[in-house]
């Protein structure tokens, strides 16, 4: 099953809400994503805006209507939630949650960059 593209209005919201300073923006699985020190903290997946939060943040977000992020049905990603659409309707509220995810992920060790693959020669 192929994933659907994110709606244009969600992409615009992502661009508007995710901070620029100290954040690397790039694609993850074809969707906009935001990283700090090589660790992803926010992104889009189909029609969902997802955030990586600590355990307390996930629990609080779920009490307020967030759901577990399941890129494939039945395969929830621990520490990731889908922001409810009502959060996204309020820029201030959405920004607070995005900032919370950013601060949480900024405490994680930086990911080491992988060495580029070297070309191999096949003898003949």
PDB file of N, CA and C in Angstrom:
ATOM      1  N   UNK A   1       0.843  -1.170   0.000  1.00  0.00           N
ATOM      2  CA  UNK A   1       0.000   0.000   0.000  1.00  0.00           C
ATOM      3  C   UNK A   1       0.896   1.243   0.000  1.00  0.00           C
ATOM      4  N   UNK A   2       0.656   2.121  -0.946  1.00  0.00           N
ATOM      5  CA  UNK A   2       1.450   3.352  -1.053  1.00  0.00           C
ATOM      6  C   UNK A   2       0.919   4.402  -0.086  1.00  0.00           C
ATOM      7  N   UNK A   3       1.841   5.163   0.502  1.00  0.00           N
ATOM      8  CA  UNK A   3       1.441   6.250   1.384  1.00  0.00           C
ATOM      9  C   UNK A   3       0.933   7.421   0.555  1.00  0.00           C
ATOM     10  N   UNK A   4      -0.006   8.167   1.142  1.00  0.00           N
ATOM     11  CA  UNK A   4      -0.575   9.338   0.471  1.00  0.00           C
ATOM     12  C   UNK A   4       0.274  10.567   0.767  1.00  0.00           C
ATOM     13  N   UNK A   5       0.254  11.510  -0.171  1.00  0.00           N
ATOM     14  CA  UNK A   5       0.948  12.777   0.049  1.00  0.00           C
ATOM     15  C   UNK A   5       0.227  13.559   1.140  1.00  0.00           C
ATOM     16  N   UNK A   6       0.988  14.375   1.863  1.00  0.00           N
ATOM     17  CA  UNK A   6       0.376  15.242   2.874  1.00  0.00           C
ATOM     18  C   UNK A   6      -0.405  16.354   2.185  1.00  0.00           C
ATOM     19  N   UNK A   7      -1.564  16.729   2.753  1.00  0.00           N
ATOM     20  CA  UNK A   7      -2.320  17.849   2.182  1.00  0.00           C
ATOM     21  C   UNK A   7      -1.480  19.126   2.193  1.00  0.00           C
ATOM     22  N   UNK A   8      -1.645  19.951   1.169  1.00  0.00           N
ATOM     23  CA  UNK A   8      -0.859  21.184   1.037  1.00  0.00           C
ATOM     24  C   UNK A   8      -0.987  22.068   2.271  1.00  0.00           C
ATOM     25  N   UNK A   9      -2.186  22.155   2.865  1.00  0.00           N
ATOM     26  CA  UNK A   9      -2.373  23.026   4.031  1.00  0.00           C
ATOM     27  C   UNK A   9      -1.595  22.513   5.245  1.00  0.00           C
ATOM     28  N   UNK A  10      -1.401  21.205   5.338  1.00  0.00           N
ATOM     29  CA  UNK A  10      -0.613  20.646   6.441  1.00  0.00           C
ATOM     30  C   UNK A  10       0.877  20.943   6.232  1.00  0.00           C
ATOM     31  N   UNK A  11       1.337  20.867   4.994  1.00  0.00           N
ATOM     32  CA  UNK A  11       2.727  21.192   4.682  1.00  0.00           C
ATOM     33  C   UNK A  11       2.993  22.663   4.999  1.00  0.00           C
ATOM     34  N   UNK A  12       2.059  23.531   4.646  1.00  0.00           N
ATOM     35  CA  UNK A  12       2.194  24.964   4.936  1.00  0.00           C
ATOM     36  C   UNK A  12       2.237  25.182   6.449  1.00  0.00           C
ATOM     37  N   UNK A  13       1.390  24.477   7.194  1.00  0.00           N
ATOM     38  CA  UNK A  13       1.385  24.604   8.656  1.00  0.00           C
ATOM     39  C   UNK A  13       2.722  24.138   9.226  1.00  0.00           C
ATOM     40  N   UNK A  14       3.259  23.054   8.711  1.00  0.00           N
ATOM     41  CA  UNK A  14       4.556  22.551   9.166  1.00  0.00           C
ATOM     42  C   UNK A  14       5.629  23.616   8.947  1.00  0.00           C
ATOM     43  N   UNK A  15       5.666  24.178   7.753  1.00  0.00           N
ATOM     44  CA  UNK A  15       6.668  25.205   7.426  1.00  0.00           C
ATOM     45  C   UNK A  15       6.527  26.424   8.335  1.00  0.00           C
ATOM     46  N   UNK A  16       5.320  26.781   8.655  1.00  0.00           N
ATOM     47  CA  UNK A  16       5.054  27.959   9.487  1.00  0.00           C
ATOM     48  C   UNK A  16       5.372  27.710  10.959  1.00  0.00           C
ATOM     49  N   UNK A  17       5.067  26.531  11.461  1.00  0.00           N
ATOM     50  CA  UNK A  17       5.136  26.259  12.896  1.00  0.00           C
ATOM     51  C   UNK A  17       6.486  25.740  13.399  1.00  0.00           C
ATOM     52  N   UNK A  18       7.208  25.023  12.568  1.00  0.00           N
ATOM     53  CA  UNK A  18       8.474  24.444  13.023  1.00  0.00           C
ATOM     54  C   UNK A  18       9.545  25.533  13.014  1.00  0.00           C
ATOM     55  N   UNK A  19      10.249  25.708  14.138  1.00  0.00           N
ATOM     56  CA  UNK A  19      11.248  26.778  14.219  1.00  0.00           C
ATOM     57  C   UNK A  19      12.390  26.560  13.224  1.00  0.00           C
ATOM     58  N   UNK A  20      13.025  27.658  12.844  1.00  0.00           N
ATOM     59  CA  UNK A  20      14.117  27.578  11.875  1.00  0.00           C
ATOM     60  C   UNK A  20      15.480  27.483  12.564  1.00  0.00           C
ATOM     61  N   UNK A  21      15.661  28.193  13.671  1.00  0.00           N
ATOM     62  CA  UNK A  21      16.968  28.252  14.319  1.00  0.00           C
ATOM     63  C   UNK A  21      17.399  26.942  14.949  1.00  0.00           C
ATOM     64  N   UNK A  22      18.576  26.456  14.558  1.00  0.00           N
ATOM     65  CA  UNK A  22      19.116  25.236  15.139  1.00  0.00           C
ATOM     66  C   UNK A  22      18.393  23.974  14.721  1.00  0.00           C
ATOM     67  N   UNK A  23      17.589  24.066  13.692  1.00  0.00           N
ATOM     68  CA  UNK A  23      16.784  22.933  13.237  1.00  0.00           C
ATOM     69  C   UNK A  23      17.156  22.611  11.798  1.00  0.00           C
ATOM     70  N   UNK A  24      17.363  21.339  11.524  1.00  0.00           N
ATOM     71  CA  UNK A  24      17.606  20.895  10.158  1.00  0.00           C
ATOM     72  C   UNK A  24      16.295  20.353   9.606  1.00  0.00           C
ATOM     73  N   UNK A  25      15.905  20.870   8.477  1.00  0.00           N
ATOM     74  CA  UNK A  25      14.702  20.366   7.802  1.00  0.00           C
ATOM     75  C   UNK A  25      15.132  19.522   6.619  1.00  0.00           C
ATOM     76  N   UNK A  26      14.543  18.355   6.537  1.00  0.00           N
ATOM     77  CA  UNK A  26      14.787  17.487   5.388  1.00  0.00           C
ATOM     78  C   UNK A  26      13.619  16.519   5.264  1.00  0.00           C
ATOM     79  N   UNK A  27      13.634  15.738   4.238  1.00  0.00           N
ATOM     80  CA  UNK A  27      12.572  14.765   4.003  1.00  0.00           C
ATOM     81  C   UNK A  27      12.867  13.467   4.750  1.00  0.00           C
ATOM     82  N   UNK A  28      11.809  12.859   5.270  1.00  0.00           N
ATOM     83  CA  UNK A  28      11.900  11.532   5.870  1.00  0.00           C
ATOM     84  C   UNK A  28      10.764  10.723   5.256  1.00  0.00           C
ATOM     85  N   UNK A  29      11.120   9.696   4.520  1.00  0.00           N
ATOM     86  CA  UNK A  29      10.139   8.868   3.807  1.00  0.00           C
ATOM     87  C   UNK A  29       9.262   9.716   2.883  1.00  0.00           C
ATOM     88  N   UNK A  30       9.833  10.779   2.325  1.00  0.00           N
ATOM     89  CA  UNK A  30       9.112  11.630   1.385  1.00  0.00           C
ATOM     90  C   UNK A  30       8.263  12.711   2.020  1.00  0.00           C
ATOM     91  N   UNK A  31       8.343  12.863   3.331  1.00  0.00           N
ATOM     92  CA  UNK A  31       7.552  13.866   4.051  1.00  0.00           C
ATOM     93  C   UNK A  31       8.475  14.869   4.728  1.00  0.00           C
ATOM     94  N   UNK A  32       8.007  16.114   4.910  1.00  0.00           N
ATOM     95  CA  UNK A  32       8.812  17.101   5.633  1.00  0.00           C
ATOM     96  C   UNK A  32       9.064  16.628   7.068  1.00  0.00           C
ATOM     97  N   UNK A  33      10.294  16.847   7.534  1.00  0.00           N
ATOM     98  CA  UNK A  33      10.666  16.455   8.895  1.00  0.00           C
ATOM     99  C   UNK A  33      11.657  17.475   9.447  1.00  0.00           C
ATOM    100  N   UNK A  34      11.712  17.553  10.786  1.00  0.00           N
ATOM    101  CA  UNK A  34      12.618  18.481  11.463  1.00  0.00           C
ATOM    102  C   UNK A  34      13.496  17.701  12.429  1.00  0.00           C
ATOM    103  N   UNK A  35      14.790  18.048  12.424  1.00  0.00           N
ATOM    104  CA  UNK A  35      15.786  17.335  13.208  1.00  0.00           C
ATOM    105  C   UNK A  35      16.607  18.310  14.039  1.00  0.00           C
ATOM    106  N   UNK A  36      17.076  17.834  15.179  1.00  0.00           N
ATOM    107  CA  UNK A  36      18.048  18.558  15.983  1.00  0.00           C
ATOM    108  C   UNK A  36      19.150  17.553  16.309  1.00  0.00           C
ATOM    109  N   UNK A  37      20.396  17.917  16.005  1.00  0.00           N
ATOM    110  CA  UNK A  37      21.553  17.045  16.230  1.00  0.00           C
ATOM    111  C   UNK A  37      21.355  15.656  15.608  1.00  0.00           C
ATOM    112  N   UNK A  38      20.698  15.624  14.458  1.00  0.00           N
ATOM    113  CA  UNK A  38      20.500  14.369  13.742  1.00  0.00           C
ATOM    114  C   UNK A  38      19.313  13.538  14.196  1.00  0.00           C
ATOM    115  N   UNK A  39      18.602  13.986  15.230  1.00  0.00           N
ATOM    116  CA  UNK A  39      17.438  13.262  15.749  1.00  0.00           C
ATOM    117  C   UNK A  39      16.151  13.974  15.328  1.00  0.00           C
ATOM    118  N   UNK A  40      15.230  13.224  14.782  1.00  0.00           N
ATOM    119  CA  UNK A  40      13.961  13.800  14.340  1.00  0.00           C
ATOM    120  C   UNK A  40      13.073  14.097  15.537  1.00  0.00           C
ATOM    121  N   UNK A  41      12.435  15.289  15.523  1.00  0.00           N
ATOM    122  CA  UNK A  41      11.510  15.634  16.595  1.00  0.00           C
ATOM    123  C   UNK A  41      10.112  15.963  16.092  1.00  0.00           C
ATOM    124  N   UNK A  42       9.967  16.259  14.818  1.00  0.00           N
ATOM    125  CA  UNK A  42       8.646  16.581  14.273  1.00  0.00           C
ATOM    126  C   UNK A  42       8.629  16.217  12.796  1.00  0.00           C
ATOM    127  N   UNK A  43       7.447  15.875  12.318  1.00  0.00           N
ATOM    128  CA  UNK A  43       7.328  15.576  10.898  1.00  0.00           C
ATOM    129  C   UNK A  43       5.895  15.342  10.493  1.00  0.00           C
ATOM    130  N   UNK A  44       5.731  15.159   9.215  1.00  0.00           N
ATOM    131  CA  UNK A  44       4.416  14.827   8.671  1.00  0.00           C
ATOM    132  C   UNK A  44       4.458  13.386   8.180  1.00  0.00           C
ATOM    133  N   UNK A  45       3.305  12.753   8.245  1.00  0.00           N
ATOM    134  CA  UNK A  45       3.126  11.422   7.663  1.00  0.00           C
ATOM    135  C   UNK A  45       1.693  11.362   7.170  1.00  0.00           C
ATOM    136  N   UNK A  46       1.547  11.313   5.872  1.00  0.00           N
ATOM    137  CA  UNK A  46       0.239  11.391   5.237  1.00  0.00           C
ATOM    138  C   UNK A  46      -0.486  12.635   5.727  1.00  0.00           C
ATOM    139  N   UNK A  47      -1.629  12.479   6.405  1.00  0.00           N
ATOM    140  CA  UNK A  47      -2.390  13.659   6.857  1.00  0.00           C
ATOM    141  C   UNK A  47      -2.202  13.913   8.354  1.00  0.00           C
ATOM    142  N   UNK A  48      -1.053  13.464   8.879  1.00  0.00           N
ATOM    143  CA  UNK A  48      -0.797  13.588  10.319  1.00  0.00           C
ATOM    144  C   UNK A  48       0.465  14.392  10.596  1.00  0.00           C
ATOM    145  N   UNK A  49       0.411  15.182  11.669  1.00  0.00           N
ATOM    146  CA  UNK A  49       1.553  15.939  12.175  1.00  0.00           C
ATOM    147  C   UNK A  49       2.020  15.188  13.409  1.00  0.00           C
ATOM    148  N   UNK A  50       3.244  14.675  13.386  1.00  0.00           N
ATOM    149  CA  UNK A  50       3.724  13.816  14.468  1.00  0.00           C
ATOM    150  C   UNK A  50       4.875  14.474  15.226  1.00  0.00           C
ATOM    151  N   UNK A  51       4.933  14.171  16.525  1.00  0.00           N
ATOM    152  CA  UNK A  51       5.965  14.711  17.400  1.00  0.00           C
ATOM    153  C   UNK A  51       6.567  13.609  18.257  1.00  0.00           C
ATOM    154  N   UNK A  52       7.840  13.788  18.586  1.00  0.00           N
ATOM    155  CA  UNK A  52       8.528  12.872  19.498  1.00  0.00           C
ATOM    156  C   UNK A  52       8.609  13.551  20.864  1.00  0.00           C
ATOM    157  N   UNK A  53       8.024  12.905  21.859  1.00  0.00           N
ATOM    158  CA  UNK A  53       7.960  13.473  23.204  1.00  0.00           C
ATOM    159  C   UNK A  53       8.474  12.476  24.233  1.00  0.00           C
ATOM    160  N   UNK A  54       8.808  13.000  25.413  1.00  0.00           N
ATOM    161  CA  UNK A  54       9.170  12.099  26.500  1.00  0.00           C
ATOM    162  C   UNK A  54       7.904  11.418  27.012  1.00  0.00           C
ATOM    163  N   UNK A  55       8.064  10.488  27.922  1.00  0.00           N
ATOM    164  CA  UNK A  55       6.930   9.705  28.419  1.00  0.00           C
ATOM    165  C   UNK A  55       5.826  10.595  29.007  1.00  0.00           C
ATOM    166  N   UNK A  56       6.229  11.571  29.830  1.00  0.00           N
ATOM    167  CA  UNK A  56       5.242  12.471  30.436  1.00  0.00           C
ATOM    168  C   UNK A  56       4.544  13.309  29.372  1.00  0.00           C
ATOM    169  N   UNK A  57       5.286  13.763  28.381  1.00  0.00           N
ATOM    170  CA  UNK A  57       4.707  14.555  27.296  1.00  0.00           C
ATOM    171  C   UNK A  57       3.705  13.752  26.485  1.00  0.00           C
ATOM    172  N   UNK A  58       4.051  12.494  26.191  1.00  0.00           N
ATOM    173  CA  UNK A  58       3.121  11.625  25.460  1.00  0.00           C
ATOM    174  C   UNK A  58       1.839  11.423  26.256  1.00  0.00           C
ATOM    175  N   UNK A  59       1.980  11.148  27.545  1.00  0.00           N
ATOM    176  CA  UNK A  59       0.808  10.916  28.391  1.00  0.00           C
ATOM    177  C   UNK A  59      -0.078  12.163  28.441  1.00  0.00           C
ATOM    178  N   UNK A  60       0.533  13.327  28.611  1.00  0.00           N
ATOM    179  CA  UNK A  60      -0.249  14.563  28.667  1.00  0.00           C
ATOM    180  C   UNK A  60      -0.929  14.841  27.333  1.00  0.00           C
ATOM    181  N   UNK A  61      -0.197  14.672  26.245  1.00  0.00           N
ATOM    182  CA  UNK A  61      -0.776  14.908  24.922  1.00  0.00           C
ATOM    183  C   UNK A  61      -1.947  13.964  24.670  1.00  0.00           C
ATOM    184  N   UNK A  62      -1.816  12.712  25.087  1.00  0.00           N
ATOM    185  CA  UNK A  62      -2.897  11.737  24.893  1.00  0.00           C
ATOM    186  C   UNK A  62      -4.123  12.101  25.729  1.00  0.00           C
ATOM    187  N   UNK A  63      -3.897  12.624  26.928  1.00  0.00           N
ATOM    188  CA  UNK A  63      -5.040  13.071  27.743  1.00  0.00           C
ATOM    189  C   UNK A  63      -5.801  14.199  27.042  1.00  0.00           C
ATOM    190  N   UNK A  64      -5.082  14.954  26.215  1.00  0.00           N
ATOM    191  CA  UNK A  64      -5.685  16.082  25.503  1.00  0.00           C
ATOM    192  C   UNK A  64      -6.162  15.716  24.099  1.00  0.00           C
ATOM    193  N   UNK A  65      -6.063  14.439  23.740  1.00  0.00           N
ATOM    194  CA  UNK A  65      -6.620  13.995  22.465  1.00  0.00           C
ATOM    195  C   UNK A  65      -5.623  13.490  21.437  1.00  0.00           C
ATOM    196  N   UNK A  66      -4.329  13.555  21.721  1.00  0.00           N
ATOM    197  CA  UNK A  66      -3.343  13.002  20.789  1.00  0.00           C
ATOM    198  C   UNK A  66      -3.480  11.477  20.770  1.00  0.00           C
ATOM    199  N   UNK A  67      -2.979  10.875  19.711  1.00  0.00           N
ATOM    200  CA  UNK A  67      -3.015   9.414  19.587  1.00  0.00           C
ATOM    201  C   UNK A  67      -1.610   8.905  19.304  1.00  0.00           C
ATOM    202  N   UNK A  68      -1.413   7.603  19.533  1.00  0.00           N
ATOM    203  CA  UNK A  68      -0.133   6.992  19.193  1.00  0.00           C
ATOM    204  C   UNK A  68       0.090   7.113  17.694  1.00  0.00           C
ATOM    205  N   UNK A  69       1.333   7.308  17.309  1.00  0.00           N
ATOM    206  CA  UNK A  69       1.675   7.345  15.884  1.00  0.00           C
ATOM    207  C   UNK A  69       1.937   5.934  15.410  1.00  0.00           C
ATOM    208  N   UNK A  70       1.141   5.506  14.444  1.00  0.00           N
ATOM    209  CA  UNK A  70       1.287   4.194  13.832  1.00  0.00           C
ATOM    210  C   UNK A  70       1.484   4.390  12.336  1.00  0.00           C
ATOM    211  N   UNK A  71       2.731   4.358  11.852  1.00  0.00           N
ATOM    212  CA  UNK A  71       2.931   4.528  10.414  1.00  0.00           C
ATOM    213  C   UNK A  71       2.267   3.407   9.613  1.00  0.00           C
ATOM    214  N   UNK A  72       2.157   2.240  10.256  1.00  0.00           N
ATOM    215  CA  UNK A  72       1.419   1.118   9.691  1.00  0.00           C
ATOM    216  C   UNK A  72       0.476   0.634  10.782  1.00  0.00           C
ATOM    217  N   UNK A  73      -0.760   0.304  10.453  1.00  0.00           N
ATOM    218  CA  UNK A  73      -1.712  -0.115  11.479  1.00  0.00           C
ATOM    219  C   UNK A  73      -1.152  -1.212  12.381  1.00  0.00           C
ATOM    220  N   UNK A  74      -1.306  -0.980  13.699  1.00  0.00           N
ATOM    221  CA  UNK A  74      -0.847  -1.952  14.677  1.00  0.00           C
ATOM    222  C   UNK A  74       0.628  -1.842  15.016  1.00  0.00           C
ATOM    223  N   UNK A  75       1.327  -0.874  14.451  1.00  0.00           N
ATOM    224  CA  UNK A  75       2.763  -0.714  14.681  1.00  0.00           C
ATOM    225  C   UNK A  75       3.049   0.675  15.255  1.00  0.00           C
ATOM    226  N   UNK A  76       2.657   0.866  16.506  1.00  0.00           N
ATOM    227  CA  UNK A  76       2.862   2.164  17.162  1.00  0.00           C
ATOM    228  C   UNK A  76       4.345   2.397  17.408  1.00  0.00           C
ATOM    229  N   UNK A  77       4.770   3.636  17.187  1.00  0.00           N
ATOM    230  CA  UNK A  77       6.146   4.024  17.465  1.00  0.00           C
ATOM    231  C   UNK A  77       6.205   4.630  18.858  1.00  0.00           C
ATOM    232  N   UNK A  78       6.955   4.005  19.741  1.00  0.00           N
ATOM    233  CA  UNK A  78       7.071   4.465  21.120  1.00  0.00           C
ATOM    234  C   UNK A  78       7.664   5.879  21.149  1.00  0.00           C
ATOM    235  N   UNK A  79       7.037   6.746  21.942  1.00  0.00           N
ATOM    236  CA  UNK A  79       7.534   8.101  22.090  1.00  0.00           C
ATOM    237  C   UNK A  79       7.043   9.072  21.029  1.00  0.00           C
ATOM    238  N   UNK A  80       6.193   8.615  20.142  1.00  0.00           N
ATOM    239  CA  UNK A  80       5.674   9.466  19.068  1.00  0.00           C
ATOM    240  C   UNK A  80       4.159   9.568  19.180  1.00  0.00           C
ATOM    241  N   UNK A  81       3.643  10.776  18.976  1.00  0.00           N
ATOM    242  CA  UNK A  81       2.196  10.996  18.981  1.00  0.00           C
ATOM    243  C   UNK A  81       1.785  11.791  17.749  1.00  0.00           C
ATOM    244  N   UNK A  82       0.507  11.644  17.411  1.00  0.00           N
ATOM    245  CA  UNK A  82      -0.110  12.431  16.353  1.00  0.00           C
ATOM    246  C   UNK A  82      -0.842  13.585  17.020  1.00  0.00           C
ATOM    247  N   UNK A  83      -0.504  14.806  16.622  1.00  0.00           N
ATOM    248  CA  UNK A  83      -1.194  15.970  17.184  1.00  0.00           C
ATOM    249  C   UNK A  83      -2.637  15.997  16.711  1.00  0.00           C
ATOM    250  N   UNK A  84      -3.566  16.260  17.613  1.00  0.00           N
ATOM    251  CA  UNK A  84      -4.958  16.401  17.183  1.00  0.00           C
ATOM    252  C   UNK A  84      -5.108  17.632  16.285  1.00  0.00           C
ATOM    253  N   UNK A  85      -6.027  17.575  15.362  1.00  0.00           N
ATOM    254  CA  UNK A  85      -6.217  18.695  14.437  1.00  0.00           C
ATOM    255  C   UNK A  85      -6.572  19.982  15.173  1.00  0.00           C
ATOM    256  N   UNK A  86      -7.242  19.876  16.326  1.00  0.00           N
ATOM    257  CA  UNK A  86      -7.583  21.099  17.064  1.00  0.00           C
ATOM    258  C   UNK A  86      -6.338  21.789  17.605  1.00  0.00           C
ATOM    259  N   UNK A  87      -5.260  21.032  17.869  1.00  0.00           N
ATOM    260  CA  UNK A  87      -3.995  21.654  18.275  1.00  0.00           C
ATOM    261  C   UNK A  87      -3.453  22.488  17.121  1.00  0.00           C
ATOM    262  N   UNK A  88      -3.571  21.943  15.914  1.00  0.00           N
ATOM    263  CA  UNK A  88      -3.041  22.626  14.737  1.00  0.00           C
ATOM    264  C   UNK A  88      -3.880  23.838  14.347  1.00  0.00           C
ATOM    265  N   UNK A  89      -5.112  23.888  14.823  1.00  0.00           N
ATOM    266  CA  UNK A  89      -5.975  25.039  14.539  1.00  0.00           C
ATOM    267  C   UNK A  89      -5.579  26.240  15.380  1.00  0.00           C
ATOM    268  N   UNK A  90      -4.746  26.040  16.388  1.00  0.00           N
ATOM    269  CA  UNK A  90      -4.300  27.102  17.290  1.00  0.00           C
ATOM    270  C   UNK A  90      -2.773  27.154  17.226  1.00  0.00           C
ATOM    271  N   UNK A  91      -2.237  28.129  16.476  1.00  0.00           N
ATOM    272  CA  UNK A  91      -0.786  28.209  16.282  1.00  0.00           C
ATOM    273  C   UNK A  91      -0.014  28.250  17.589  1.00  0.00           C
ATOM    274  N   UNK A  92      -0.521  28.978  18.575  1.00  0.00           N
ATOM    275  CA  UNK A  92       0.191  29.098  19.855  1.00  0.00           C
ATOM    276  C   UNK A  92       0.269  27.738  20.544  1.00  0.00           C
ATOM    277  N   UNK A  93      -0.840  27.012  20.564  1.00  0.00           N
ATOM    278  CA  UNK A  93      -0.844  25.697  21.201  1.00  0.00           C
ATOM    279  C   UNK A  93       0.050  24.715  20.432  1.00  0.00           C
ATOM    280  N   UNK A  94      -0.064  24.716  19.108  1.00  0.00           N
ATOM    281  CA  UNK A  94       0.765  23.817  18.297  1.00  0.00           C
ATOM    282  C   UNK A  94       2.246  24.134  18.507  1.00  0.00           C
ATOM    283  N   UNK A  95       2.581  25.414  18.544  1.00  0.00           N
ATOM    284  CA  UNK A  95       3.980  25.818  18.733  1.00  0.00           C
ATOM    285  C   UNK A  95       4.530  25.362  20.082  1.00  0.00           C
ATOM    286  N   UNK A  96       3.692  25.404  21.111  1.00  0.00           N
ATOM    287  CA  UNK A  96       4.136  24.938  22.434  1.00  0.00           C
ATOM    288  C   UNK A  96       4.483  23.450  22.395  1.00  0.00           C
ATOM    289  N   UNK A  97       3.672  22.652  21.722  1.00  0.00           N
ATOM    290  CA  UNK A  97       3.936  21.217  21.636  1.00  0.00           C
ATOM    291  C   UNK A  97       5.160  20.934  20.770  1.00  0.00           C
ATOM    292  N   UNK A  98       5.308  21.660  19.686  1.00  0.00           N
ATOM    293  CA  UNK A  98       6.476  21.482  18.821  1.00  0.00           C
ATOM    294  C   UNK A  98       7.738  21.864  19.586  1.00  0.00           C
ATOM    295  N   UNK A  99       7.678  22.961  20.335  1.00  0.00           N
ATOM    296  CA  UNK A  99       8.824  23.389  21.147  1.00  0.00           C
ATOM    297  C   UNK A  99       9.153  22.338  22.205  1.00  0.00           C
ATOM    298  N   UNK A 100       8.132  21.757  22.788  1.00  0.00           N
ATOM    299  CA  UNK A 100       8.351  20.716  23.796  1.00  0.00           C
ATOM    300  C   UNK A 100       9.069  19.515  23.176  1.00  0.00           C
ATOM    301  N   UNK A 101       8.652  19.124  21.981  1.00  0.00           N
ATOM    302  CA  UNK A 101       9.313  18.015  21.285  1.00  0.00           C
ATOM    303  C   UNK A 101      10.759  18.388  20.958  1.00  0.00           C
ATOM    304  N   UNK A 102      10.967  19.600  20.484  1.00  0.00           N
ATOM    305  CA  UNK A 102      12.311  20.073  20.146  1.00  0.00           C
ATOM    306  C   UNK A 102      13.221  20.041  21.374  1.00  0.00           C
ATOM    307  N   UNK A 103      12.741  20.557  22.504  1.00  0.00           N
ATOM    308  CA  UNK A 103      13.534  20.573  23.731  1.00  0.00           C
ATOM    309  C   UNK A 103      13.853  19.154  24.203  1.00  0.00           C
ATOM    310  N   UNK A 104      12.869  18.256  24.107  1.00  0.00           N
ATOM    311  CA  UNK A 104      13.092  16.860  24.517  1.00  0.00           C
ATOM    312  C   UNK A 104      14.185  16.218  23.665  1.00  0.00           C
ATOM    313  N   UNK A 105      14.071  16.324  22.367  1.00  0.00           N
ATOM    314  CA  UNK A 105      15.031  15.664  21.475  1.00  0.00           C
ATOM    315  C   UNK A 105      16.405  16.324  21.565  1.00  0.00           C
ATOM    316  N   UNK A 106      16.450  17.614  21.872  1.00  0.00           N
ATOM    317  CA  UNK A 106      17.739  18.312  22.014  1.00  0.00           C
ATOM    318  C   UNK A 106      18.557  17.757  23.184  1.00  0.00           C
ATOM    319  N   UNK A 107      17.913  17.062  24.123  1.00  0.00           N
ATOM    320  CA  UNK A 107      18.643  16.473  25.255  1.00  0.00           C
ATOM    321  C   UNK A 107      19.276  15.131  24.894  1.00  0.00           C
ATOM    322  N   UNK A 108      18.925  14.581  23.747  1.00  0.00           N
ATOM    323  CA  UNK A 108      19.449  13.277  23.325  1.00  0.00           C
ATOM    324  C   UNK A 108      20.850  13.427  22.745  1.00  0.00           C
ATOM    325  N   UNK A 109      21.636  12.363  22.836  1.00  0.00           N
ATOM    326  CA  UNK A 109      22.967  12.419  22.213  1.00  0.00           C
ATOM    327  C   UNK A 109      22.830  12.646  20.710  1.00  0.00           C
ATOM    328  N   UNK A 110      23.747  13.417  20.161  1.00  0.00           N
ATOM    329  CA  UNK A 110      23.738  13.666  18.720  1.00  0.00           C
ATOM    330  C   UNK A 110      23.985  12.360  17.977  1.00  0.00           C
ATOM    331  N   UNK A 111      23.313  12.224  16.859  1.00  0.00           N
ATOM    332  CA  UNK A 111      23.545  11.043  16.020  1.00  0.00           C
ATOM    333  C   UNK A 111      24.853  11.235  15.273  1.00  0.00           C
ATOM    334  N   UNK A 112      25.613  10.176  15.195  1.00  0.00           N
ATOM    335  CA  UNK A 112      26.859  10.228  14.444  1.00  0.00           C
ATOM    336  C   UNK A 112      26.541  10.098  12.968  1.00  0.00           C
ATOM    337  N   UNK A 113      27.234  10.900  12.183  1.00  0.00           N
ATOM    338  CA  UNK A 113      27.039  10.816  10.737  1.00  0.00           C
ATOM    339  C   UNK A 113      27.686   9.548  10.219  1.00  0.00           C
ATOM    340  N   UNK A 114      26.989   8.899   9.323  1.00  0.00           N
ATOM    341  CA  UNK A 114      27.517   7.671   8.732  1.00  0.00           C
ATOM    342  C   UNK A 114      28.576   8.035   7.702  1.00  0.00           C
ATOM    343  N   UNK A 115      29.619   7.229   7.671  1.00  0.00           N
ATOM    344  CA  UNK A 115      30.660   7.430   6.667  1.00  0.00           C
ATOM    345  C   UNK A 115      30.079   7.125   5.296  1.00  0.00           C
ATOM    346  N   UNK A 116      30.480   7.894   4.289  1.00  0.00           N
ATOM    347  CA  UNK A 116      29.957   7.605   2.944  1.00  0.00           C
ATOM    348  C   UNK A 116      30.417   6.230   2.479  1.00  0.00           C
ATOM    349  N   UNK A 117      29.548   5.585   1.747  1.00  0.00           N
ATOM    350  CA  UNK A 117      29.891   4.257   1.226  1.00  0.00           C
ATOM    351  C   UNK A 117      30.948   4.414   0.136  1.00  0.00           C
ATOM    352  N   UNK A 118      31.922   3.531   0.195  1.00  0.00           N
ATOM    353  CA  UNK A 118      32.956   3.552  -0.846  1.00  0.00           C
ATOM    354  C   UNK A 118      32.559   2.610  -1.959  1.00  0.00           C
ATOM    355  N   UNK A 119      32.911   3.017  -3.154  1.00  0.00           N
ATOM    356  CA  UNK A 119      32.630   2.176  -4.305  1.00  0.00           C
ATOM    357  C   UNK A 119      33.498   0.930  -4.213  1.00  0.00           C
ATOM    358  N   UNK A 120      32.931  -0.181  -4.558  1.00  0.00           N
ATOM    359  CA  UNK A 120      33.704  -1.427  -4.555  1.00  0.00           C
ATOM    360  C   UNK A 120      33.924  -1.888  -5.987  1.00  0.00           C
ATOM    361  N   UNK A 121      35.049  -2.493  -6.188  1.00  0.00           N
ATOM    362  CA  UNK A 121      35.341  -3.037  -7.509  1.00  0.00           C
ATOM    363  C   UNK A 121      35.112  -4.537  -7.486  1.00  0.00           C
ATOM    364  N   UNK A 122      34.528  -4.987  -8.497  1.00  0.00           N
ATOM    365  CA  UNK A 122      34.321  -6.440  -8.610  1.00  0.00           C
ATOM    366  C   UNK A 122      35.318  -6.968  -9.625  1.00  0.00           C
ATOM    367  N   UNK A 123      36.067  -7.924  -9.162  1.00  0.00           N
ATOM    368  CA  UNK A 123      37.096  -8.490 -10.041  1.00  0.00           C
ATOM    369  C   UNK A 123      36.516  -9.360 -11.132  1.00  0.00           C
ATOM    370  N   UNK A 124      37.278  -9.570 -12.128  1.00  0.00           N
ATOM    371  CA  UNK A 124      36.724 -10.370 -13.208  1.00  0.00           C
ATOM    372  C   UNK A 124      37.710 -11.088 -13.975  1.00  0.00           C
TER     373      UNK A 124
END
